[in-house]
PDB file of N, CA and C in Angstrom:
ATOM      1  N   UNK A   1     -13.796   3.386 -11.629  1.00  0.00           N
ATOM      2  CA  UNK A   1     -13.685   4.960 -11.419  1.00  0.00           C
ATOM      3  C   UNK A   1     -13.129   5.761 -12.570  1.00  0.00           C
ATOM      4  N   UNK A   2     -13.797   6.719 -12.541  1.00  0.00           N
ATOM      5  CA  UNK A   2     -13.033   7.599 -13.207  1.00  0.00           C
ATOM      6  C   UNK A   2     -11.634   8.127 -13.116  1.00  0.00           C
ATOM      7  N   UNK A   3     -10.850   8.552 -14.104  1.00  0.00           N
ATOM      8  CA  UNK A   3      -9.945   8.852 -13.923  1.00  0.00           C
ATOM      9  C   UNK A   3      -9.607  10.371 -14.780  1.00  0.00           C
ATOM     10  N   UNK A   4      -8.930  11.280 -14.250  1.00  0.00           N
ATOM     11  CA  UNK A   4      -9.552  12.352 -15.058  1.00  0.00           C
ATOM     12  C   UNK A   4      -7.694  13.025 -15.161  1.00  0.00           C
ATOM     13  N   UNK A   5      -7.091  13.228 -16.350  1.00  0.00           N
ATOM     14  CA  UNK A   5      -6.048  13.554 -16.689  1.00  0.00           C
ATOM     15  C   UNK A   5      -6.106  15.240 -16.706  1.00  0.00           C
ATOM     16  N   UNK A   6      -4.949  15.607 -15.858  1.00  0.00           N
ATOM     17  CA  UNK A   6      -5.183  17.267 -16.454  1.00  0.00           C
ATOM     18  C   UNK A   6      -3.367  17.903 -16.208  1.00  0.00           C
ATOM     19  N   UNK A   7      -3.078  19.184 -16.785  1.00  0.00           N
ATOM     20  CA  UNK A   7      -2.106  19.516 -15.808  1.00  0.00           C
ATOM     21  C   UNK A   7      -1.784  20.339 -15.382  1.00  0.00           C
ATOM     22  N   UNK A   8      -0.672  20.557 -14.246  1.00  0.00           N
ATOM     23  CA  UNK A   8      -0.324  21.541 -13.258  1.00  0.00           C
ATOM     24  C   UNK A   8       0.684  22.241 -13.038  1.00  0.00           C
ATOM     25  N   UNK A   9       0.593  23.266 -12.727  1.00  0.00           N
ATOM     26  CA  UNK A   9       1.919  23.553 -12.766  1.00  0.00           C
ATOM     27  C   UNK A   9       2.914  23.473 -11.166  1.00  0.00           C
ATOM     28  N   UNK A  10       3.790  23.250 -11.474  1.00  0.00           N
ATOM     29  CA  UNK A  10       4.591  22.853 -10.250  1.00  0.00           C
ATOM     30  C   UNK A  10       5.936  21.598 -10.618  1.00  0.00           C
ATOM     31  N   UNK A  11       6.612  21.439  -9.764  1.00  0.00           N
ATOM     32  CA  UNK A  11       7.947  20.708  -9.771  1.00  0.00           C
ATOM     33  C   UNK A  11       7.621  19.513 -10.390  1.00  0.00           C
ATOM     34  N   UNK A  12       8.057  18.246 -10.935  1.00  0.00           N
ATOM     35  CA  UNK A  12       7.698  16.976 -11.329  1.00  0.00           C
ATOM     36  C   UNK A  12       8.101  16.042 -10.356  1.00  0.00           C
ATOM     37  N   UNK A  13       7.074  15.200  -9.950  1.00  0.00           N
ATOM     38  CA  UNK A  13       6.804  14.347  -8.416  1.00  0.00           C
ATOM     39  C   UNK A  13       6.867  15.418  -7.519  1.00  0.00           C
ATOM     40  N   UNK A  14       5.951  16.358  -7.442  1.00  0.00           N
ATOM     41  CA  UNK A  14       5.387  17.183  -6.314  1.00  0.00           C
ATOM     42  C   UNK A  14       4.095  16.087  -6.261  1.00  0.00           C
ATOM     43  N   UNK A  15       3.531  16.045  -4.748  1.00  0.00           N
ATOM     44  CA  UNK A  15       2.514  15.293  -4.406  1.00  0.00           C
ATOM     45  C   UNK A  15       1.149  16.591  -4.306  1.00  0.00           C
ATOM     46  N   UNK A  16      -0.018  16.084  -4.821  1.00  0.00           N
ATOM     47  CA  UNK A  16      -1.093  16.743  -4.906  1.00  0.00           C
ATOM     48  C   UNK A  16      -2.556  15.837  -4.099  1.00  0.00           C
ATOM     49  N   UNK A  17      -2.586  17.113  -3.583  1.00  0.00           N
ATOM     50  CA  UNK A  17      -3.905  16.447  -2.596  1.00  0.00           C
ATOM     51  C   UNK A  17      -5.249  17.019  -3.172  1.00  0.00           C
ATOM     52  N   UNK A  18      -6.502  16.356  -2.994  1.00  0.00           N
ATOM     53  CA  UNK A  18      -8.034  16.878  -2.704  1.00  0.00           C
ATOM     54  C   UNK A  18      -8.392  17.314  -1.598  1.00  0.00           C
ATOM     55  N   UNK A  19      -8.920  18.070  -1.283  1.00  0.00           N
ATOM     56  CA  UNK A  19      -9.849  17.950   0.031  1.00  0.00           C
ATOM     57  C   UNK A  19     -11.172  17.693  -0.304  1.00  0.00           C
ATOM     58  N   UNK A  20     -11.716  17.090   1.116  1.00  0.00           N
ATOM     59  CA  UNK A  20     -12.737  16.209   0.428  1.00  0.00           C
ATOM     60  C   UNK A  20     -13.947  17.110   0.809  1.00  0.00           C
ATOM     61  N   UNK A  21     -13.559  18.338   1.058  1.00  0.00           N
ATOM     62  CA  UNK A  21     -14.820  19.052   1.349  1.00  0.00           C
ATOM     63  C   UNK A  21     -15.468  19.790  -0.134  1.00  0.00           C
ATOM     64  N   UNK A  22     -14.394  19.793  -1.046  1.00  0.00           N
ATOM     65  CA  UNK A  22     -14.512  19.834  -2.568  1.00  0.00           C
ATOM     66  C   UNK A  22     -15.623  19.049  -2.919  1.00  0.00           C
ATOM     67  N   UNK A  23     -15.984  17.847  -2.453  1.00  0.00           N
ATOM     68  CA  UNK A  23     -16.600  16.854  -2.773  1.00  0.00           C
ATOM     69  C   UNK A  23     -18.120  17.052  -1.918  1.00  0.00           C
ATOM     70  N   UNK A  24     -17.453  16.675  -0.490  1.00  0.00           N
ATOM     71  CA  UNK A  24     -18.612  16.525   0.257  1.00  0.00           C
ATOM     72  C   UNK A  24     -19.765  17.742   0.560  1.00  0.00           C
ATOM     73  N   UNK A  25     -18.821  18.850   0.415  1.00  0.00           N
ATOM     74  CA  UNK A  25     -19.882  19.977   0.650  1.00  0.00           C
ATOM     75  C   UNK A  25     -20.680  20.834  -1.098  1.00  0.00           C
ATOM     76  N   UNK A  26     -20.510  20.119  -1.785  1.00  0.00           N
ATOM     77  CA  UNK A  26     -20.573  20.228  -3.428  1.00  0.00           C
ATOM     78  C   UNK A  26     -22.074  19.682  -3.372  1.00  0.00           C
ATOM     79  N   UNK A  27     -22.985  20.908  -3.978  1.00  0.00           N
ATOM     80  CA  UNK A  27     -24.151  20.350  -4.173  1.00  0.00           C
ATOM     81  C   UNK A  27     -24.405  19.615  -5.302  1.00  0.00           C
ATOM     82  N   UNK A  28     -23.797  19.458  -6.297  1.00  0.00           N
ATOM     83  CA  UNK A  28     -23.683  18.771  -7.340  1.00  0.00           C
ATOM     84  C   UNK A  28     -23.979  17.025  -7.394  1.00  0.00           C
ATOM     85  N   UNK A  29     -23.096  16.987  -6.074  1.00  0.00           N
ATOM     86  CA  UNK A  29     -22.587  15.551  -5.346  1.00  0.00           C
ATOM     87  C   UNK A  29     -23.750  15.453  -4.123  1.00  0.00           C
ATOM     88  N   UNK A  30     -23.989  16.338  -3.537  1.00  0.00           N
ATOM     89  CA  UNK A  30     -24.839  16.228  -2.547  1.00  0.00           C
ATOM     90  C   UNK A  30     -26.189  16.921  -2.299  1.00  0.00           C
ATOM     91  N   UNK A  31     -27.253  16.973  -3.206  1.00  0.00           N
ATOM     92  CA  UNK A  31     -28.131  18.180  -3.247  1.00  0.00           C
ATOM     93  C   UNK A  31     -27.923  18.689  -1.332  1.00  0.00           C
ATOM     94  N   UNK A  32     -28.285  19.642  -1.041  1.00  0.00           N
ATOM     95  CA  UNK A  32     -28.285  20.267   0.108  1.00  0.00           C
ATOM     96  C   UNK A  32     -27.613  19.604   1.142  1.00  0.00           C
ATOM     97  N   UNK A  33     -26.139  19.763   0.949  1.00  0.00           N
ATOM     98  CA  UNK A  33     -24.979  19.533   1.420  1.00  0.00           C
ATOM     99  C   UNK A  33     -24.898  19.815   3.352  1.00  0.00           C
ATOM    100  N   UNK A  34     -25.817  20.584   3.831  1.00  0.00           N
ATOM    101  CA  UNK A  34     -25.524  20.962   5.193  1.00  0.00           C
ATOM    102  C   UNK A  34     -26.799  20.532   5.893  1.00  0.00           C
ATOM    103  N   UNK A  35     -27.250  19.917   5.146  1.00  0.00           N
ATOM    104  CA  UNK A  35     -28.456  18.873   5.799  1.00  0.00           C
ATOM    105  C   UNK A  35     -28.227  17.434   6.190  1.00  0.00           C
ATOM    106  N   UNK A  36     -28.465  17.027   6.606  1.00  0.00           N
ATOM    107  CA  UNK A  36     -28.117  16.147   7.679  1.00  0.00           C
ATOM    108  C   UNK A  36     -29.483  14.747   6.554  1.00  0.00           C
ATOM    109  N   UNK A  37     -29.172  14.037   6.083  1.00  0.00           N
ATOM    110  CA  UNK A  37     -30.147  13.252   4.914  1.00  0.00           C
ATOM    111  C   UNK A  37     -29.514  12.067   5.194  1.00  0.00           C
ATOM    112  N   UNK A  38     -29.523  10.942   5.754  1.00  0.00           N
ATOM    113  CA  UNK A  38     -29.113   9.779   5.758  1.00  0.00           C
ATOM    114  C   UNK A  38     -29.799   9.201   4.944  1.00  0.00           C
ATOM    115  N   UNK A  39     -31.006   9.065   3.838  1.00  0.00           N
ATOM    116  CA  UNK A  39     -31.474   8.774   2.989  1.00  0.00           C
ATOM    117  C   UNK A  39     -30.793   8.768   1.415  1.00  0.00           C
ATOM    118  N   UNK A  40     -29.394   9.560   1.471  1.00  0.00           N
ATOM    119  CA  UNK A  40     -28.901   9.930  -0.041  1.00  0.00           C
ATOM    120  C   UNK A  40     -27.603   8.589   0.528  1.00  0.00           C
ATOM    121  N   UNK A  41     -27.679   7.958   0.828  1.00  0.00           N
ATOM    122  CA  UNK A  41     -27.114   6.665   0.930  1.00  0.00           C
ATOM    123  C   UNK A  41     -27.550   5.793   0.776  1.00  0.00           C
ATOM    124  N   UNK A  42     -28.747   5.539   1.091  1.00  0.00           N
ATOM    125  CA  UNK A  42     -29.720   4.615   0.407  1.00  0.00           C
ATOM    126  C   UNK A  42     -29.248   3.878  -1.031  1.00  0.00           C
ATOM    127  N   UNK A  43     -29.841   2.845  -1.542  1.00  0.00           N
ATOM    128  CA  UNK A  43     -29.695   2.457  -2.683  1.00  0.00           C
ATOM    129  C   UNK A  43     -27.707   2.705  -3.299  1.00  0.00           C
ATOM    130  N   UNK A  44     -28.009   2.938  -4.040  1.00  0.00           N
ATOM    131  CA  UNK A  44     -26.790   2.808  -4.861  1.00  0.00           C
ATOM    132  C   UNK A  44     -25.543   3.872  -4.188  1.00  0.00           C
ATOM    133  N   UNK A  45     -26.261   4.643  -2.992  1.00  0.00           N
ATOM    134  CA  UNK A  45     -25.474   5.810  -2.860  1.00  0.00           C
ATOM    135  C   UNK A  45     -24.150   6.695  -3.444  1.00  0.00           C
ATOM    136  N   UNK A  46     -23.938   7.292  -2.835  1.00  0.00           N
ATOM    137  CA  UNK A  46     -23.252   8.615  -3.747  1.00  0.00           C
ATOM    138  C   UNK A  46     -22.327   7.639  -4.880  1.00  0.00           C
ATOM    139  N   UNK A  47     -21.676   8.740  -5.918  1.00  0.00           N
ATOM    140  CA  UNK A  47     -21.077   8.287  -7.070  1.00  0.00           C
ATOM    141  C   UNK A  47     -19.624   7.884  -6.007  1.00  0.00           C
ATOM    142  N   UNK A  48     -18.988   7.299  -6.811  1.00  0.00           N
ATOM    143  CA  UNK A  48     -18.029   6.674  -6.403  1.00  0.00           C
ATOM    144  C   UNK A  48     -16.889   7.854  -6.331  1.00  0.00           C
ATOM    145  N   UNK A  49     -16.017   7.990  -5.554  1.00  0.00           N
ATOM    146  CA  UNK A  49     -15.206   8.850  -4.822  1.00  0.00           C
ATOM    147  C   UNK A  49     -15.406  10.013  -4.459  1.00  0.00           C
ATOM    148  N   UNK A  50     -17.205  10.227  -4.470  1.00  0.00           N
ATOM    149  CA  UNK A  50     -17.388  11.418  -3.794  1.00  0.00           C
ATOM    150  C   UNK A  50     -17.353  11.627  -2.355  1.00  0.00           C
ATOM    151  N   UNK A  51     -17.933  10.727  -2.161  1.00  0.00           N
ATOM    152  CA  UNK A  51     -17.578  10.494  -0.541  1.00  0.00           C
ATOM    153  C   UNK A  51     -16.582   9.433   0.149  1.00  0.00           C
ATOM    154  N   UNK A  52     -15.642  10.494   0.841  1.00  0.00           N
ATOM    155  CA  UNK A  52     -14.614   9.847   1.132  1.00  0.00           C
ATOM    156  C   UNK A  52     -13.936  10.263   2.761  1.00  0.00           C
ATOM    157  N   UNK A  53     -14.742  10.002   3.799  1.00  0.00           N
ATOM    158  CA  UNK A  53     -14.689  10.188   4.757  1.00  0.00           C
ATOM    159  C   UNK A  53     -13.351   9.742   5.947  1.00  0.00           C
ATOM    160  N   UNK A  54     -12.580   8.866   5.086  1.00  0.00           N
ATOM    161  CA  UNK A  54     -11.675   8.215   5.443  1.00  0.00           C
ATOM    162  C   UNK A  54     -10.440   8.150   4.560  1.00  0.00           C
ATOM    163  N   UNK A  55     -10.599   9.178   3.596  1.00  0.00           N
ATOM    164  CA  UNK A  55      -9.930   9.255   2.607  1.00  0.00           C
ATOM    165  C   UNK A  55      -9.345   8.028   1.882  1.00  0.00           C
ATOM    166  N   UNK A  56      -8.724   7.883   1.043  1.00  0.00           N
ATOM    167  CA  UNK A  56      -8.569   6.767   0.021  1.00  0.00           C
ATOM    168  C   UNK A  56      -6.870   6.452  -0.505  1.00  0.00           C
ATOM    169  N   UNK A  57      -6.822   5.459  -1.118  1.00  0.00           N
ATOM    170  CA  UNK A  57      -5.494   4.923  -1.643  1.00  0.00           C
ATOM    171  C   UNK A  57      -4.595   4.761  -0.773  1.00  0.00           C
ATOM    172  N   UNK A  58      -3.408   5.257  -0.699  1.00  0.00           N
ATOM    173  CA  UNK A  58      -2.367   5.149   0.004  1.00  0.00           C
ATOM    174  C   UNK A  58      -2.295   6.353   1.122  1.00  0.00           C
ATOM    175  N   UNK A  59      -3.053   7.038   1.042  1.00  0.00           N
ATOM    176  CA  UNK A  59      -3.689   8.308   2.407  1.00  0.00           C
ATOM    177  C   UNK A  59      -5.088   7.483   3.058  1.00  0.00           C
ATOM    178  N   UNK A  60      -5.156   6.381   2.835  1.00  0.00           N
ATOM    179  CA  UNK A  60      -6.529   6.105   3.844  1.00  0.00           C
ATOM    180  C   UNK A  60      -6.129   6.195   5.439  1.00  0.00           C
ATOM    181  N   UNK A  61      -7.176   6.603   6.036  1.00  0.00           N
ATOM    182  CA  UNK A  61      -6.853   6.865   7.590  1.00  0.00           C
ATOM    183  C   UNK A  61      -6.652   5.450   8.049  1.00  0.00           C
ATOM    184  N   UNK A  62      -5.754   5.394   8.598  1.00  0.00           N
ATOM    185  CA  UNK A  62      -4.955   4.453   9.362  1.00  0.00           C
ATOM    186  C   UNK A  62      -6.270   3.650  10.628  1.00  0.00           C
ATOM    187  N   UNK A  63      -7.128   4.746  11.387  1.00  0.00           N
ATOM    188  CA  UNK A  63      -8.077   4.331  12.009  1.00  0.00           C
ATOM    189  C   UNK A  63      -9.589   4.209  11.727  1.00  0.00           C
ATOM    190  N   UNK A  64      -9.255   3.496  10.513  1.00  0.00           N
ATOM    191  CA  UNK A  64     -10.654   3.351   9.683  1.00  0.00           C
ATOM    192  C   UNK A  64     -11.616   2.144  10.353  1.00  0.00           C
ATOM    193  N   UNK A  65     -10.974   1.390  10.277  1.00  0.00           N
ATOM    194  CA  UNK A  65     -11.186   0.111  10.747  1.00  0.00           C
ATOM    195  C   UNK A  65     -11.721  -0.033  12.663  1.00  0.00           C
ATOM    196  N   UNK A  66     -11.063   0.823  12.764  1.00  0.00           N
ATOM    197  CA  UNK A  66     -11.282   1.144  14.762  1.00  0.00           C
ATOM    198  C   UNK A  66     -12.669   1.719  14.742  1.00  0.00           C
ATOM    199  N   UNK A  67     -12.774   2.506  13.451  1.00  0.00           N
ATOM    200  CA  UNK A  67     -14.155   3.620  13.680  1.00  0.00           C
ATOM    201  C   UNK A  67     -15.532   2.984  13.266  1.00  0.00           C
ATOM    202  N   UNK A  68     -15.030   2.231  12.324  1.00  0.00           N
ATOM    203  CA  UNK A  68     -16.322   1.153  11.961  1.00  0.00           C
ATOM    204  C   UNK A  68     -16.485  -0.067  13.361  1.00  0.00           C
ATOM    205  N   UNK A  69     -15.278  -0.510  13.619  1.00  0.00           N
ATOM    206  CA  UNK A  69     -15.441  -1.881  14.993  1.00  0.00           C
ATOM    207  C   UNK A  69     -16.279  -0.238  16.125  1.00  0.00           C
ATOM    208  N   UNK A  70     -15.795   0.891  16.358  1.00  0.00           N
ATOM    209  CA  UNK A  70     -16.741   1.343  17.407  1.00  0.00           C
ATOM    210  C   UNK A  70     -18.642   1.419  16.916  1.00  0.00           C
ATOM    211  N   UNK A  71     -18.604   1.906  15.574  1.00  0.00           N
ATOM    212  CA  UNK A  71     -20.020   2.230  15.329  1.00  0.00           C
ATOM    213  C   UNK A  71     -20.659   0.917  15.768  1.00  0.00           C
ATOM    214  N   UNK A  72     -20.068  -0.426  14.947  1.00  0.00           N
ATOM    215  CA  UNK A  72     -21.110  -1.673  15.371  1.00  0.00           C
ATOM    216  C   UNK A  72     -20.864  -2.076  16.382  1.00  0.00           C
ATOM    217  N   UNK A  73     -19.901  -1.812  17.698  1.00  0.00           N
ATOM    218  CA  UNK A  73     -20.399  -1.810  18.692  1.00  0.00           C
ATOM    219  C   UNK A  73     -21.208  -1.120  19.655  1.00  0.00           C
ATOM    220  N   UNK A  74     -21.706   0.322  19.185  1.00  0.00           N
ATOM    221  CA  UNK A  74     -22.450   1.483  19.619  1.00  0.00           C
ATOM    222  C   UNK A  74     -23.825   0.483  19.361  1.00  0.00           C
ATOM    223  N   UNK A  75     -24.001   0.235  17.882  1.00  0.00           N
ATOM    224  CA  UNK A  75     -25.146  -0.162  17.839  1.00  0.00           C
ATOM    225  C   UNK A  75     -25.453  -1.534  18.177  1.00  0.00           C
ATOM    226  N   UNK A  76     -24.778  -2.758  18.255  1.00  0.00           N
ATOM    227  CA  UNK A  76     -24.798  -3.686  19.348  1.00  0.00           C
ATOM    228  C   UNK A  76     -25.533  -3.552  19.803  1.00  0.00           C
ATOM    229  N   UNK A  77     -24.274  -2.540  21.183  1.00  0.00           N
ATOM    230  CA  UNK A  77     -25.060  -2.137  22.628  1.00  0.00           C
ATOM    231  C   UNK A  77     -26.626  -1.474  22.442  1.00  0.00           C
ATOM    232  N   UNK A  78     -26.442  -0.769  21.906  1.00  0.00           N
ATOM    233  CA  UNK A  78     -27.754  -0.018  21.532  1.00  0.00           C
ATOM    234  C   UNK A  78     -29.601  -1.250  21.515  1.00  0.00           C
ATOM    235  N   UNK A  79     -29.118  -1.988  20.660  1.00  0.00           N
ATOM    236  CA  UNK A  79     -30.031  -3.284  20.343  1.00  0.00           C
ATOM    237  C   UNK A  79     -29.990  -4.038  21.713  1.00  0.00           C
ATOM    238  N   UNK A  80     -28.964  -4.414  22.298  1.00  0.00           N
ATOM    239  CA  UNK A  80     -29.096  -5.816  23.263  1.00  0.00           C
ATOM    240  C   UNK A  80     -29.136  -5.144  24.486  1.00  0.00           C
ATOM    241  N   UNK A  81     -28.809  -3.847  25.173  1.00  0.00           N
ATOM    242  CA  UNK A  81     -29.146  -3.528  26.199  1.00  0.00           C
ATOM    243  C   UNK A  81     -29.838  -2.459  26.880  1.00  0.00           C
ATOM    244  N   UNK A  82     -30.974  -2.372  25.841  1.00  0.00           N
ATOM    245  CA  UNK A  82     -31.703  -1.308  25.797  1.00  0.00           C
ATOM    246  C   UNK A  82     -33.150  -2.097  25.384  1.00  0.00           C
ATOM    247  N   UNK A  83     -34.215  -2.037  26.186  1.00  0.00           N
ATOM    248  CA  UNK A  83     -35.269  -2.161  25.682  1.00  0.00           C
ATOM    249  C   UNK A  83     -36.385  -1.556  24.315  1.00  0.00           C
ATOM    250  N   UNK A  84     -36.487  -1.499  23.256  1.00  0.00           N
ATOM    251  CA  UNK A  84     -36.885  -0.717  22.093  1.00  0.00           C
ATOM    252  C   UNK A  84     -38.702  -0.945  22.072  1.00  0.00           C
ATOM    253  N   UNK A  85     -39.002   0.312  22.084  1.00  0.00           N
ATOM    254  CA  UNK A  85     -40.716   0.218  21.801  1.00  0.00           C
ATOM    255  C   UNK A  85     -40.883   1.092  20.795  1.00  0.00           C
ATOM    256  N   UNK A  86     -41.816   0.679  20.054  1.00  0.00           N
ATOM    257  CA  UNK A  86     -42.560   1.588  18.962  1.00  0.00           C
ATOM    258  C   UNK A  86     -43.649   2.662  19.554  1.00  0.00           C
ATOM    259  N   UNK A  87     -43.018   3.784  19.040  1.00  0.00           N
ATOM    260  CA  UNK A  87     -43.266   5.035  19.136  1.00  0.00           C
ATOM    261  C   UNK A  87     -44.980   4.910  19.518  1.00  0.00           C
ATOM    262  N   UNK A  88     -45.703   4.088  18.426  1.00  0.00           N
ATOM    263  CA  UNK A  88     -46.699   4.323  18.339  1.00  0.00           C
ATOM    264  C   UNK A  88     -47.306   2.568  17.970  1.00  0.00           C
ATOM    265  N   UNK A  89     -48.046   2.071  18.918  1.00  0.00           N
ATOM    266  CA  UNK A  89     -48.082   0.868  19.059  1.00  0.00           C
ATOM    267  C   UNK A  89     -48.565   0.077  18.355  1.00  0.00           C
ATOM    268  N   UNK A  90     -49.524   0.789  17.569  1.00  0.00           N
ATOM    269  CA  UNK A  90     -50.298   0.546  16.648  1.00  0.00           C
ATOM    270  C   UNK A  90     -49.773   0.701  15.302  1.00  0.00           C
ATOM    271  N   UNK A  91     -48.958   0.587  15.038  1.00  0.00           N
ATOM    272  CA  UNK A  91     -47.790   1.106  13.544  1.00  0.00           C
ATOM    273  C   UNK A  91     -47.366  -0.070  13.414  1.00  0.00           C
ATOM    274  N   UNK A  92     -47.606  -0.643  12.321  1.00  0.00           N
ATOM    275  CA  UNK A  92     -47.349  -2.063  11.501  1.00  0.00           C
ATOM    276  C   UNK A  92     -45.549  -1.945  11.336  1.00  0.00           C
ATOM    277  N   UNK A  93     -44.738  -2.983  11.354  1.00  0.00           N
ATOM    278  CA  UNK A  93     -43.618  -2.392  10.642  1.00  0.00           C
ATOM    279  C   UNK A  93     -43.582  -3.304   9.697  1.00  0.00           C
ATOM    280  N   UNK A  94     -42.489  -2.310   8.688  1.00  0.00           N
ATOM    281  CA  UNK A  94     -42.574  -2.748   7.459  1.00  0.00           C
ATOM    282  C   UNK A  94     -40.818  -3.245   7.224  1.00  0.00           C
ATOM    283  N   UNK A  95     -41.012  -4.609   6.702  1.00  0.00           N
ATOM    284  CA  UNK A  95     -39.752  -5.257   6.628  1.00  0.00           C
ATOM    285  C   UNK A  95     -39.624  -4.869   4.692  1.00  0.00           C
ATOM    286  N   UNK A  96     -38.515  -4.494   4.632  1.00  0.00           N
ATOM    287  CA  UNK A  96     -37.641  -4.386   2.882  1.00  0.00           C
ATOM    288  C   UNK A  96     -38.938  -3.451   2.524  1.00  0.00           C
ATOM    289  N   UNK A  97     -38.720  -2.195   3.318  1.00  0.00           N
ATOM    290  CA  UNK A  97     -39.865  -1.190   2.482  1.00  0.00           C
ATOM    291  C   UNK A  97     -39.679  -0.681   1.140  1.00  0.00           C
TER     292      UNK A  97
END
């Protein structure tokens, strides 16, 4: 993690917050940020501290674990309770493409 030192006018001991949109919607970190593009999270994914949907440090969302559990439950139910078929039966499935 990179630490940036800077000076800011204000009282000593004041809290400073960052808007997550300053990085989540920044084309420098996420090209075409308005486009839904799951592939941007493949491989190494986004740079450290640029994608923080649940906050971080002392301000982390208390429901982060619950949200992850909900996603895993949704995925589990999708795989176990539904019959999945290929749209094109002749298409080969590539493992580790």
